[in-house]
Amino acid sequence: MQHLAAAIEELSTADPAALPFALVTGLVGGSGAPGTARCAAIAVSPLSGGVAETRAEGPFAAGLRAAGATGVVLYGRASAPVCVVVSEGRAWTEPAGDLWGSETGPATDQLLARYGSGAAVAVIGPAGERQIPYASIVTCRHHPLPRLGLGAVLGAKNVKAIVAVGDAPVPVVSPAAVSRLAASYAAEAAANQLTVWQKSMPGFGVWAGEPGYAPVNGFRDTTRGGGLGVVPDAIARAASVAACPGCPTDCIKVYAGAGLHQEALAMLGPNLGKDDPWPLLARCEQLGLDPVELGAVLAGAGMASGPNRVGSVSSAGMAGGPEPFPPGGMGGWLDRVERLPPARMASKGVAIPPFDPRVQPNLGLAYAVSPIGPRYDLVEHDLDFDPVEGMPSSFPEMRRLGVAVPRARGVLDVEGTARLMWLWSGLDALGVCVFAATPTRPLLLSQVSDLVEAVTGRRPDVLALGAERLRWQFAINRRLGFGPEADTLPDVFFDEPVREGRYAGAVLDRAEFGAAVAALRELLLAP
């Protein structure tokens, strides 16, 4: 992070394509341990204009380590489309003009044919090439780096793909300790309600919530439940798993040809008034578009229900109706998407994830204050602490972290939110997957430290590392012109209470929330 901060200090007035872009993993990546199959892309976001970091699970982290690297940093812009190849600890560019214009699946096929079936591929689609500001990067076919538009950053640099090639072993100080931790994780995961849900079909991307829990019509309709809890039989029968090396949880399921994470169906389904978002999910993966941002953009453009149109494209067609593309094909569809205004339900220019902050206000605090903008996995969600809806099995770990539990829904807890942000920021810095780890999953904080020590020989202070990482992100944002005035949420969350269901009446108090935002920011900036 210091390296990127220094580069941004030097280049802050330069062409955005000249700013650095990093694709990295942690020192535990590729070790074969559960929860270590994670990589991250870091740059300046074309959506927010601030620091950006987006993560992906899957095989790419192990592939990067097998190529003899923990990351690659790109500067400047190639004069023609290129592929960046990483192997034996070195990186170079090779021409990729023949791949420009390809969707992510065919491009991945061609790159594997060129560099070998064991290569790890991170590639942009046509959306990234066109620098649509919420373009994604797709790693290893079904594991996107989805948020904050970093596919557009690669497009601006004329980089079609980053390919890691090699079979170098990852150094592990104590393989026996890693094996013991893996066995412990597998045993605990079989009894943990969240990891059981993640592993079981249909998986953690298929869920439905009460009114007010998830968005319908861009968070404006709180009389109906959000999320999508059913997979059509034909799609379910063809489902598969996009596995993460070393992890038995198998979170990422593949439906209709696309890897499914936790947010996509909620944003592309009921949020848009659609019960068949599957074709659009597949299009997002192939074109390299963030489904969360796309869903928010379409909802904000008035396409949440009925025969609303964008140009000549019906909302039914865009959301997977009988005609997925208009006459003229993909290019015409992207032309119309490009012309849509930014998401209305956003903070720092980034779409609010599909978990309503009126119901979970501490998650809302993290949305507002986070230097990278709103992200649904900044902190453990409020309802997990609730005396009725929470997870009592995780309360001892939460108390060890210094978080008061149980905590009734709607109660703001600034210090607890700060500690949870430090925790997951530390996990992100280490490359440890939050969907395997503390406070509600099997890898407890002590075991995360045990794991890092077993691989590297060094024992981290995870919360201190997370706090330092957040301070660096704030420092970068200050250089880029971001101050506390950006730490807010859309008016709807303060002005319109949830109308129906168990969460009826939930709304944010503007003065109380504003004071909590200021207090949280002060805590996170304190040395």
Protein backbone atom coordinates (compact mmCIF):
# COMPACT_ATOMS: atom_id res chain seq x y z
CA MET A 1 0.00 0.00 0.00
CA GLN A 2 2.90 2.40 0.74
CA HIS A 3 4.28 1.65 -2.74
CA LEU A 4 0.97 2.58 -4.38
CA ALA A 5 0.59 5.67 -2.20
CA ALA A 6 4.00 6.93 -3.29
CA ALA A 7 3.16 6.32 -6.94
CA ILE A 8 -0.14 8.17 -6.64
CA GLU A 9 1.66 11.05 -4.92
CA GLU A 10 3.87 11.36 -7.99
CA LEU A 11 1.19 10.76 -10.64
CA SER A 12 -1.95 12.35 -9.19
CA THR A 13 -2.12 14.91 -11.98
CA ALA A 14 -1.30 12.44 -14.76
CA ASP A 15 -3.54 10.63 -17.21
CA PRO A 16 -5.56 8.07 -15.19
CA ALA A 17 -4.10 5.30 -17.35
CA ALA A 18 -0.68 6.18 -15.94
CA LEU A 19 -1.74 5.47 -12.36
CA PRO A 20 -0.63 2.13 -10.94
CA PHE A 21 -2.72 -1.02 -10.94
CA ALA A 22 -1.83 -4.02 -8.76
CA LEU A 23 -3.03 -7.62 -8.81
CA VAL A 24 -1.82 -9.38 -5.67
CA THR A 25 -2.27 -12.22 -3.24
CA GLY A 26 -1.03 -12.79 0.30
CA LEU A 27 1.95 -14.81 1.50
CA VAL A 28 -0.47 -17.57 2.53
CA GLY A 29 -1.88 -17.79 -1.01
CA GLY A 30 -1.17 -21.11 -2.68
CA SER A 31 -0.28 -22.78 0.61
CA GLY A 32 -3.13 -25.27 0.27
CA ALA A 33 -4.74 -24.14 3.51
CA PRO A 34 -8.46 -23.34 3.75
CA GLY A 35 -9.37 -19.69 3.39
CA THR A 36 -6.23 -18.72 1.47
CA ALA A 37 -7.52 -18.83 -2.13
CA ARG A 38 -7.91 -15.09 -2.48
CA CYS A 39 -6.47 -12.39 -4.72
CA ALA A 40 -7.11 -8.65 -4.88
CA ALA A 41 -6.93 -5.89 -7.49
CA ILE A 42 -5.97 -2.40 -6.30
CA ALA A 43 -6.07 0.88 -8.21
CA VAL A 44 -7.91 4.20 -8.39
CA SER A 45 -11.59 3.55 -9.13
CA PRO A 46 -13.14 5.15 -12.22
CA LEU A 47 -16.44 5.10 -10.30
CA SER A 48 -15.38 6.89 -7.14
CA GLY A 49 -12.11 8.56 -8.09
CA GLY A 50 -10.74 7.15 -4.84
CA VAL A 51 -8.70 4.17 -3.76
CA ALA A 52 -10.22 0.86 -4.85
CA GLU A 53 -9.72 -2.74 -3.83
CA THR A 54 -11.76 -5.68 -5.04
CA ARG A 55 -11.25 -9.35 -4.25
CA ALA A 56 -11.83 -12.75 -5.85
CA GLU A 57 -11.76 -16.25 -4.50
CA GLY A 58 -10.62 -19.18 -6.65
CA PRO A 59 -7.41 -20.58 -8.13
CA PHE A 60 -5.74 -17.35 -9.27
CA ALA A 61 -3.94 -16.74 -5.96
CA ALA A 62 -2.31 -20.17 -6.13
CA GLY A 63 -1.48 -19.61 -9.79
CA LEU A 64 0.27 -16.33 -9.03
CA ARG A 65 2.35 -17.93 -6.29
CA ALA A 66 3.21 -20.87 -8.60
CA ALA A 67 4.48 -18.25 -11.07
CA GLY A 68 6.98 -17.12 -8.42
CA ALA A 69 5.18 -13.89 -7.45
CA THR A 70 2.86 -12.46 -4.83
CA GLY A 71 1.72 -9.73 -7.19
CA VAL A 72 2.30 -7.60 -10.26
CA VAL A 73 2.05 -3.80 -10.50
CA LEU A 74 1.35 -2.16 -13.86
CA TYR A 75 2.18 1.43 -14.83
CA GLY A 76 1.39 3.42 -17.94
CA ARG A 77 -0.45 2.34 -21.07
CA ALA A 78 0.57 -0.12 -23.76
CA SER A 79 0.51 1.23 -27.32
CA ALA A 80 -1.54 -1.77 -28.47
CA PRO A 81 -3.48 -4.54 -26.69
CA VAL A 82 -1.23 -6.80 -24.63
CA CYS A 83 -1.31 -9.72 -22.26
CA VAL A 84 0.90 -9.52 -19.16
CA VAL A 85 2.63 -12.84 -18.49
CA VAL A 86 4.00 -13.65 -15.05
CA SER A 87 6.36 -16.62 -14.71
CA GLU A 88 9.44 -17.55 -12.69
CA GLY A 89 9.17 -14.33 -10.70
CA ARG A 90 9.28 -12.08 -13.78
CA ALA A 91 6.63 -10.24 -15.81
CA TRP A 92 6.54 -9.17 -19.44
CA THR A 93 4.01 -8.25 -22.11
CA GLU A 94 3.01 -10.12 -25.24
CA PRO A 95 0.69 -8.98 -28.05
CA ALA A 96 -3.01 -9.66 -27.52
CA GLY A 97 -4.64 -7.86 -30.42
CA ASP A 98 -6.27 -11.10 -31.55
CA LEU A 99 -8.09 -11.31 -28.19
CA TRP A 100 -9.38 -7.73 -28.16
CA GLY A 101 -13.15 -7.80 -28.50
CA SER A 102 -13.47 -11.35 -27.10
CA GLU A 103 -15.74 -12.17 -24.21
CA THR A 104 -14.10 -13.49 -21.08
CA GLY A 105 -14.85 -17.19 -21.68
CA PRO A 106 -13.46 -17.41 -25.24
CA ALA A 107 -10.49 -15.24 -24.27
CA THR A 108 -9.74 -17.57 -21.36
CA ASP A 109 -9.96 -20.57 -23.70
CA GLN A 110 -7.47 -19.02 -26.12
CA LEU A 111 -5.05 -18.03 -23.36
CA LEU A 112 -5.10 -21.52 -21.85
CA ALA A 113 -4.43 -22.97 -25.28
CA ARG A 114 -1.49 -20.57 -25.65
CA TYR A 115 0.07 -20.85 -22.18
CA GLY A 116 -1.05 -24.27 -20.97
CA SER A 117 -4.05 -25.68 -19.18
CA GLY A 118 -2.44 -25.04 -15.78
CA ALA A 119 -2.13 -21.28 -16.33
CA ALA A 120 -4.16 -18.90 -14.16
CA VAL A 121 -5.96 -16.28 -16.24
CA ALA A 122 -7.39 -12.89 -15.22
CA VAL A 123 -9.11 -11.25 -18.18
CA ILE A 124 -11.36 -8.34 -19.07
CA GLY A 125 -14.30 -8.50 -21.44
CA PRO A 126 -15.69 -5.99 -23.93
CA ALA A 127 -16.99 -3.80 -21.08
CA GLY A 128 -13.45 -3.31 -19.77
CA GLU A 129 -12.11 -2.63 -23.24
CA ARG A 130 -14.71 0.11 -23.62
CA GLN A 131 -13.80 1.43 -20.14
CA ILE A 132 -17.34 1.20 -18.80
CA PRO A 133 -16.69 2.44 -15.25
CA TYR A 134 -18.08 -0.68 -13.55
CA ALA A 135 -16.28 -3.23 -15.70
CA SER A 136 -14.94 -6.25 -13.85
CA ILE A 137 -11.96 -8.60 -14.22
CA VAL A 138 -12.77 -12.31 -14.39
CA THR A 139 -10.22 -14.72 -12.94
CA CYS A 140 -10.04 -18.43 -13.72
CA ARG A 141 -13.31 -18.32 -15.70
CA HIS A 142 -15.88 -17.99 -12.88
CA HIS A 143 -14.25 -15.87 -10.14
CA PRO A 144 -14.69 -12.15 -10.89
CA LEU A 145 -12.93 -9.24 -9.29
CA PRO A 146 -16.26 -7.47 -9.55
CA ARG A 147 -16.51 -4.11 -7.82
CA LEU A 148 -15.25 -0.56 -8.40
CA GLY A 149 -14.55 -0.77 -12.15
CA LEU A 150 -11.00 -2.08 -12.19
CA GLY A 151 -11.67 -3.88 -15.48
CA ALA A 152 -11.95 -0.40 -16.98
CA VAL A 153 -8.52 0.43 -15.53
CA LEU A 154 -6.98 -2.52 -17.39
CA GLY A 155 -8.88 -1.46 -20.51
CA ALA A 156 -7.40 2.04 -20.23
CA LYS A 157 -3.96 0.44 -20.05
CA ASN A 158 -4.66 -1.71 -23.14
CA VAL A 159 -4.19 -4.85 -21.02
CA LYS A 160 -6.54 -7.67 -22.01
CA ALA A 161 -5.29 -10.21 -19.49
CA ILE A 162 -2.77 -11.11 -16.82
CA VAL A 163 -1.67 -14.73 -17.06
CA ALA A 164 0.33 -16.54 -14.36
CA VAL A 165 2.33 -19.54 -15.58
CA GLY A 166 4.40 -21.91 -13.47
CA ASP A 167 4.52 -24.73 -10.97
CA ALA A 168 6.87 -23.38 -8.31
CA PRO A 169 6.07 -24.71 -4.82
CA VAL A 170 4.97 -22.19 -2.21
CA PRO A 171 7.35 -22.19 0.75
CA VAL A 172 5.63 -23.33 3.96
CA VAL A 173 7.52 -23.21 7.27
CA SER A 174 5.45 -25.91 8.99
CA PRO A 175 3.44 -28.17 6.65
CA ALA A 176 2.37 -30.27 9.63
CA ALA A 177 0.82 -27.25 11.34
CA VAL A 178 -0.99 -26.29 8.14
CA SER A 179 -2.35 -29.84 7.88
CA ARG A 180 -3.60 -29.73 11.47
CA LEU A 181 -5.34 -26.41 10.87
CA ALA A 182 -6.92 -27.73 7.66
CA ALA A 183 -8.25 -30.80 9.47
CA SER A 184 -9.64 -28.62 12.27
CA TYR A 185 -11.30 -26.33 9.76
CA ALA A 186 -12.94 -29.23 7.91
CA ALA A 187 -14.35 -30.62 11.15
CA GLU A 188 -15.66 -27.25 12.33
CA ALA A 189 -17.04 -26.32 8.91
CA ALA A 190 -19.23 -29.41 8.89
CA ALA A 191 -21.06 -28.08 11.97
CA ASN A 192 -21.00 -24.31 11.34
CA GLN A 193 -24.34 -23.04 10.07
CA LEU A 194 -22.82 -20.51 7.67
CA THR A 195 -20.23 -22.80 6.08
CA VAL A 196 -22.83 -25.59 5.81
CA TRP A 197 -25.08 -23.10 3.98
CA GLN A 198 -22.20 -22.02 1.75
CA LYS A 199 -21.27 -25.61 0.84
CA SER A 200 -24.77 -27.00 0.38
CA MET A 201 -26.73 -26.48 -2.80
CA PRO A 202 -28.02 -24.04 -3.92
CA GLY A 203 -25.31 -22.09 -2.05
CA PHE A 204 -25.00 -18.71 -0.40
CA GLY A 205 -25.82 -16.77 -3.56
CA VAL A 206 -29.42 -18.03 -3.50
CA TRP A 207 -31.38 -16.42 -0.67
CA ALA A 208 -34.50 -14.39 0.01
CA GLY A 209 -35.17 -11.84 2.73
CA GLU A 210 -38.01 -10.06 4.48
CA PRO A 211 -39.17 -6.64 3.23
CA GLY A 212 -36.45 -4.12 3.97
CA TYR A 213 -33.64 -6.66 4.13
CA ALA A 214 -32.65 -6.46 0.44
CA PRO A 215 -33.53 -4.05 -2.37
CA VAL A 216 -36.69 -4.04 -4.43
CA ASN A 217 -36.92 -1.22 -6.98
CA GLY A 218 -33.65 0.31 -5.86
CA PHE A 219 -34.48 0.21 -2.11
CA ARG A 220 -37.70 2.23 -2.68
CA ASP A 221 -40.19 -0.64 -2.29
CA THR A 222 -40.14 -2.10 1.23
CA THR A 223 -43.45 -3.89 0.99
CA ARG A 224 -41.98 -6.95 -0.75
CA GLY A 225 -39.11 -9.23 0.09
CA GLY A 226 -35.82 -9.02 -1.80
CA GLY A 227 -33.31 -11.62 -2.86
CA LEU A 228 -34.03 -14.73 -4.89
CA GLY A 229 -34.40 -18.01 -3.03
CA VAL A 230 -35.17 -20.51 -5.80
CA VAL A 231 -33.16 -21.93 -8.71
CA PRO A 232 -35.22 -23.20 -11.67
CA ASP A 233 -34.97 -26.98 -11.99
CA ALA A 234 -33.35 -26.91 -15.43
CA ILE A 235 -30.62 -24.56 -14.21
CA ALA A 236 -30.17 -26.41 -10.92
CA ARG A 237 -29.65 -29.76 -12.67
CA ALA A 238 -26.77 -28.31 -14.68
CA ALA A 239 -25.11 -26.57 -11.73
CA SER A 240 -21.48 -27.16 -10.78
CA VAL A 241 -18.89 -25.80 -8.33
CA ALA A 242 -16.03 -23.39 -9.03
CA ALA A 243 -13.71 -24.72 -6.33
CA CYS A 244 -11.08 -22.89 -4.31
CA PRO A 245 -7.78 -24.78 -3.82
CA GLY A 246 -7.39 -26.09 -0.28
CA CYS A 247 -10.87 -25.14 0.91
CA PRO A 248 -13.64 -27.74 1.34
CA THR A 249 -16.46 -25.19 1.58
CA ASP A 250 -17.07 -24.84 -2.20
CA CYS A 251 -18.89 -21.52 -1.86
CA ILE A 252 -19.01 -20.54 -5.52
CA LYS A 253 -21.64 -22.40 -7.53
CA VAL A 254 -21.89 -22.13 -11.30
CA TYR A 255 -25.40 -21.55 -12.64
CA ALA A 256 -26.34 -20.82 -16.25
CA GLY A 257 -22.64 -20.70 -17.09
CA ALA A 258 -21.68 -18.06 -14.49
CA GLY A 259 -20.08 -18.16 -11.07
CA LEU A 260 -22.55 -16.97 -8.44
CA HIS A 261 -21.49 -14.92 -5.43
CA GLN A 262 -23.70 -13.58 -2.68
CA GLU A 263 -24.91 -10.27 -4.13
CA ALA A 264 -25.71 -10.79 -7.80
CA LEU A 265 -29.18 -12.36 -7.81
CA ALA A 266 -30.53 -9.83 -5.32
CA MET A 267 -29.40 -6.95 -7.54
CA LEU A 268 -30.44 -8.45 -10.89
CA GLY A 269 -33.66 -10.17 -9.74
CA PRO A 270 -36.26 -8.61 -7.41
CA ASN A 271 -34.36 -5.32 -7.40
CA LEU A 272 -35.33 -5.07 -11.08
CA GLY A 273 -38.69 -6.81 -10.71
CA LYS A 274 -37.33 -9.93 -12.45
CA ASP A 275 -37.73 -13.57 -11.50
CA ASP A 276 -35.32 -14.81 -14.19
CA PRO A 277 -31.99 -12.99 -13.76
CA TRP A 278 -29.87 -15.97 -14.85
CA PRO A 279 -29.18 -14.93 -18.46
CA LEU A 280 -28.18 -11.46 -17.34
CA LEU A 281 -25.87 -12.96 -14.71
CA ALA A 282 -24.17 -14.97 -17.47
CA ARG A 283 -23.89 -11.86 -19.67
CA CYS A 284 -22.24 -9.94 -16.83
CA GLU A 285 -19.55 -12.61 -16.52
CA GLN A 286 -18.90 -12.84 -20.27
CA LEU A 287 -18.92 -9.10 -20.91
CA GLY A 288 -17.00 -8.36 -17.72
CA LEU A 289 -19.58 -6.22 -15.88
CA ASP A 290 -20.19 -5.90 -12.14
CA PRO A 291 -23.73 -7.25 -11.56
CA VAL A 292 -24.15 -5.18 -8.38
CA GLU A 293 -23.40 -1.88 -10.09
CA LEU A 294 -25.36 -2.86 -13.20
CA GLY A 295 -28.41 -3.74 -11.11
CA ALA A 296 -28.19 -0.41 -9.30
CA VAL A 297 -27.75 1.51 -12.57
CA LEU A 298 -30.75 -0.18 -14.19
CA ALA A 299 -32.92 0.38 -11.10
CA GLY A 300 -31.89 4.03 -10.99
CA ALA A 301 -32.78 4.38 -14.68
CA GLY A 302 -36.36 3.35 -13.93
CA MET A 303 -36.04 -0.20 -15.19
CA ALA A 304 -37.12 -1.95 -12.01
CA SER A 305 -40.43 -3.23 -13.35
CA GLY A 306 -42.80 -3.12 -16.29
CA PRO A 307 -42.00 -2.40 -19.94
CA ASN A 308 -39.50 0.41 -19.25
CA ARG A 309 -36.93 0.78 -21.95
CA VAL A 310 -33.41 2.00 -22.57
CA GLY A 311 -33.31 3.15 -26.15
CA SER A 312 -34.73 0.23 -28.11
CA VAL A 313 -33.83 -2.37 -25.46
CA SER A 314 -36.67 -3.52 -23.24
CA SER A 315 -35.98 -4.19 -19.59
CA ALA A 316 -37.15 -7.74 -20.22
CA GLY A 317 -34.50 -8.16 -22.88
CA MET A 318 -31.77 -6.66 -20.72
CA ALA A 319 -32.72 -8.81 -17.76
CA GLY A 320 -32.84 -12.11 -19.58
CA GLY A 321 -36.19 -12.13 -21.33
CA PRO A 322 -36.84 -13.83 -24.63
CA GLU A 323 -34.44 -11.54 -26.52
CA PRO A 324 -31.20 -11.11 -24.52
CA PHE A 325 -29.79 -8.61 -27.05
CA PRO A 326 -31.37 -6.06 -29.33
CA PRO A 327 -30.86 -6.04 -33.11
CA GLY A 328 -27.21 -5.20 -33.63
CA GLY A 329 -26.04 -7.56 -30.89
CA MET A 330 -23.71 -7.04 -27.98
CA GLY A 331 -22.22 -3.76 -29.17
CA GLY A 332 -25.60 -2.07 -29.32
CA TRP A 333 -26.48 -3.37 -25.87
CA LEU A 334 -23.26 -2.02 -24.37
CA ASP A 335 -23.84 1.29 -26.20
CA ARG A 336 -27.09 1.69 -24.29
CA VAL A 337 -25.60 0.58 -20.98
CA GLU A 338 -22.79 3.10 -21.46
CA ARG A 339 -25.26 5.95 -21.83
CA LEU A 340 -27.15 5.19 -18.61
CA PRO A 341 -26.55 7.60 -15.70
CA PRO A 342 -24.60 6.39 -12.64
CA ALA A 343 -26.33 4.50 -9.86
CA ARG A 344 -28.56 6.73 -7.75
CA MET A 345 -28.33 4.57 -4.63
CA ALA A 346 -24.62 5.07 -4.09
CA SER A 347 -22.00 6.34 -1.67
CA LYS A 348 -18.73 7.80 -2.99
CA GLY A 349 -20.09 7.04 -6.46
CA VAL A 350 -20.30 3.30 -5.73
CA ALA A 351 -23.59 1.37 -5.62
CA ILE A 352 -24.96 0.36 -2.23
CA PRO A 353 -24.75 -3.46 -1.90
CA PRO A 354 -28.00 -5.43 -1.57
CA PHE A 355 -28.21 -5.29 2.23
CA ASP A 356 -30.33 -2.39 3.51
CA PRO A 357 -28.59 -0.17 6.10
CA ARG A 358 -31.92 0.79 7.67
CA VAL A 359 -32.14 -2.75 9.02
CA GLN A 360 -28.39 -3.10 9.67
CA PRO A 361 -27.15 0.40 10.59
CA ASN A 362 -23.63 -0.62 11.66
CA LEU A 363 -23.13 -2.14 8.24
CA GLY A 364 -24.39 1.23 6.98
CA LEU A 365 -21.71 2.99 9.05
CA ALA A 366 -19.07 0.88 7.33
CA TYR A 367 -20.63 1.64 3.92
CA ALA A 368 -20.41 5.37 4.60
CA VAL A 369 -16.95 5.59 6.16
CA SER A 370 -14.98 2.95 4.24
CA PRO A 371 -12.26 4.56 2.08
CA ILE A 372 -13.10 2.24 -0.83
CA GLY A 373 -16.82 2.94 -0.61
CA PRO A 374 -19.66 0.58 0.27
CA ARG A 375 -18.90 -3.11 0.25
CA TYR A 376 -21.05 -5.78 1.84
CA ASP A 377 -18.12 -7.64 3.43
CA LEU A 378 -16.52 -4.70 5.24
CA VAL A 379 -17.85 -5.97 8.58
CA GLU A 380 -19.88 -8.84 9.95
CA HIS A 381 -23.56 -7.97 9.50
CA ASP A 382 -25.64 -6.60 12.38
CA LEU A 383 -28.21 -9.38 12.38
CA ASP A 384 -25.54 -11.93 13.32
CA PHE A 385 -25.33 -10.17 16.72
CA ASP A 386 -29.08 -10.00 17.26
CA PRO A 387 -30.48 -11.84 20.31
CA VAL A 388 -33.23 -13.38 18.15
CA GLU A 389 -31.77 -13.70 14.65
CA GLY A 390 -28.10 -13.91 15.57
CA MET A 391 -25.52 -16.69 15.88
CA PRO A 392 -24.97 -17.42 19.60
CA SER A 393 -22.30 -19.98 18.72
CA SER A 394 -20.10 -17.10 17.52
CA PHE A 395 -20.68 -14.82 20.53
CA PRO A 396 -17.61 -16.05 22.49
CA GLU A 397 -15.35 -15.16 19.54
CA MET A 398 -17.03 -11.79 19.17
CA ARG A 399 -16.43 -11.04 22.85
CA ARG A 400 -12.76 -12.00 22.46
CA LEU A 401 -12.63 -9.42 19.66
CA GLY A 402 -14.00 -6.78 22.03
CA VAL A 403 -17.48 -6.62 20.47
CA ALA A 404 -20.47 -6.47 22.82
CA VAL A 405 -23.02 -9.21 22.08
CA PRO A 406 -25.84 -9.88 21.88
CA ARG A 407 -26.74 -6.52 20.40
CA ALA A 408 -30.30 -5.66 19.47
CA ARG A 409 -30.98 -4.73 15.87
CA GLY A 410 -30.87 -0.98 15.28
CA VAL A 411 -28.37 -0.13 18.03
CA LEU A 412 -25.36 1.78 16.73
CA ASP A 413 -22.01 0.52 18.09
CA VAL A 414 -19.17 2.69 16.82
CA GLU A 415 -16.34 0.96 18.72
CA GLY A 416 -17.59 -2.51 17.80
CA THR A 417 -17.88 -1.49 14.14
CA ALA A 418 -14.32 -0.12 14.18
CA ARG A 419 -12.96 -3.35 15.64
CA LEU A 420 -14.81 -5.42 13.06
CA MET A 421 -13.53 -3.19 10.24
CA TRP A 422 -9.97 -3.61 11.54
CA LEU A 423 -10.52 -7.36 11.67
CA TRP A 424 -11.72 -7.84 8.11
CA SER A 425 -9.29 -5.23 6.80
CA GLY A 426 -6.53 -7.33 8.39
CA LEU A 427 -7.87 -10.49 6.76
CA ASP A 428 -7.94 -8.68 3.41
CA ALA A 429 -4.34 -7.53 3.92
CA LEU A 430 -3.25 -11.12 4.61
CA GLY A 431 -5.27 -12.60 1.76
CA VAL A 432 -7.43 -14.67 4.12
CA CYS A 433 -11.00 -15.22 2.97
CA VAL A 434 -13.68 -13.72 5.22
CA PHE A 435 -16.06 -16.49 4.12
CA ALA A 436 -13.88 -18.99 5.98
CA ALA A 437 -12.88 -16.89 8.96
CA THR A 438 -13.70 -15.06 12.15
CA PRO A 439 -15.99 -14.04 13.76
CA THR A 440 -18.74 -16.37 12.49
CA ARG A 441 -16.88 -18.97 10.42
CA PRO A 442 -14.51 -21.72 11.60
CA LEU A 443 -11.10 -19.98 11.33
CA LEU A 444 -10.96 -18.07 14.62
CA LEU A 445 -8.66 -15.07 15.02
CA SER A 446 -6.10 -17.16 16.91
CA GLN A 447 -6.17 -19.77 14.13
CA VAL A 448 -5.69 -17.13 11.44
CA SER A 449 -2.54 -16.06 13.27
CA ASP A 450 -1.52 -19.72 13.66
CA LEU A 451 -2.00 -20.25 9.93
CA VAL A 452 0.06 -17.24 8.87
CA GLU A 453 2.81 -18.28 11.29
CA ALA A 454 2.74 -21.88 10.02
CA VAL A 455 3.20 -20.68 6.43
CA THR A 456 5.55 -17.71 6.88
CA GLY A 457 7.17 -18.12 10.32
CA ARG A 458 5.81 -14.71 11.37
CA ARG A 459 2.81 -14.18 13.62
CA PRO A 460 0.69 -11.15 12.67
CA ASP A 461 -1.33 -8.79 14.80
CA VAL A 462 -4.34 -8.99 12.51
CA LEU A 463 -6.29 -6.05 13.92
CA ALA A 464 -3.24 -3.77 13.99
CA LEU A 465 -2.46 -4.71 10.39
CA GLY A 466 -6.06 -3.98 9.39
CA ALA A 467 -5.99 -0.61 11.13
CA GLU A 468 -2.75 0.35 9.36
CA ARG A 469 -4.17 -0.70 5.98
CA LEU A 470 -7.24 1.49 6.49
CA ARG A 471 -5.09 4.49 7.47
CA TRP A 472 -3.10 4.10 4.24
CA GLN A 473 -6.34 3.99 2.25
CA PHE A 474 -7.56 7.17 3.93
CA ALA A 475 -4.20 8.81 3.21
CA ILE A 476 -4.43 7.95 -0.48
CA ASN A 477 -7.96 9.32 -0.62
CA ARG A 478 -6.86 12.59 0.98
CA ARG A 479 -4.29 12.96 -1.78
CA LEU A 480 -7.01 12.26 -4.34
CA GLY A 481 -9.29 14.92 -2.87
CA PHE A 482 -11.62 12.82 -0.71
CA GLY A 483 -12.61 14.16 2.68
CA PRO A 484 -15.25 13.38 5.31
CA GLU A 485 -17.96 15.12 3.26
CA ALA A 486 -18.13 11.95 1.13
CA ASP A 487 -19.02 9.79 4.16
CA THR A 488 -22.77 9.61 3.71
CA LEU A 489 -25.63 7.50 2.37
CA PRO A 490 -28.57 8.28 0.08
CA ASP A 491 -31.51 10.21 1.55
CA VAL A 492 -33.97 7.33 1.19
CA PHE A 493 -32.39 5.52 4.14
CA PHE A 494 -33.08 8.53 6.38
CA ASP A 495 -36.42 9.66 4.96
CA GLU A 496 -38.38 6.48 4.20
CA PRO A 497 -38.88 3.85 6.95
CA VAL A 498 -39.33 0.21 6.01
CA ARG A 499 -43.07 -0.23 5.50
CA GLU A 500 -43.90 -3.91 5.99
CA GLY A 501 -42.77 -7.10 7.73
CA ARG A 502 -40.65 -7.75 10.79
CA TYR A 503 -38.41 -4.77 10.04
CA ALA A 504 -41.28 -2.28 9.63
CA GLY A 505 -40.34 1.18 10.91
CA ALA A 506 -36.57 0.70 10.51
CA VAL A 507 -34.96 3.96 9.39
CA LEU A 508 -31.71 5.81 10.04
CA ASP A 509 -31.79 8.89 12.27
CA ARG A 510 -29.78 11.48 10.35
CA ALA A 511 -28.28 13.28 13.34
CA GLU A 512 -27.44 10.11 15.28
CA PHE A 513 -25.99 8.43 12.20
CA GLY A 514 -23.95 11.52 11.28
CA ALA A 515 -22.45 11.67 14.77
CA ALA A 516 -21.62 7.96 14.60
CA VAL A 517 -19.98 8.41 11.20
CA ALA A 518 -17.74 11.18 12.55
CA ALA A 519 -16.83 9.12 15.61
CA LEU A 520 -16.05 6.03 13.52
CA ARG A 521 -13.87 7.99 11.12
CA GLU A 522 -11.95 9.47 14.07
CA LEU A 523 -11.35 5.98 15.52
CA LEU A 524 -10.17 4.58 12.20
CA LEU A 525 -7.76 7.47 11.62
CA ALA A 526 -6.25 7.35 15.11
CA PRO A 527 -2.66 6.01 15.16
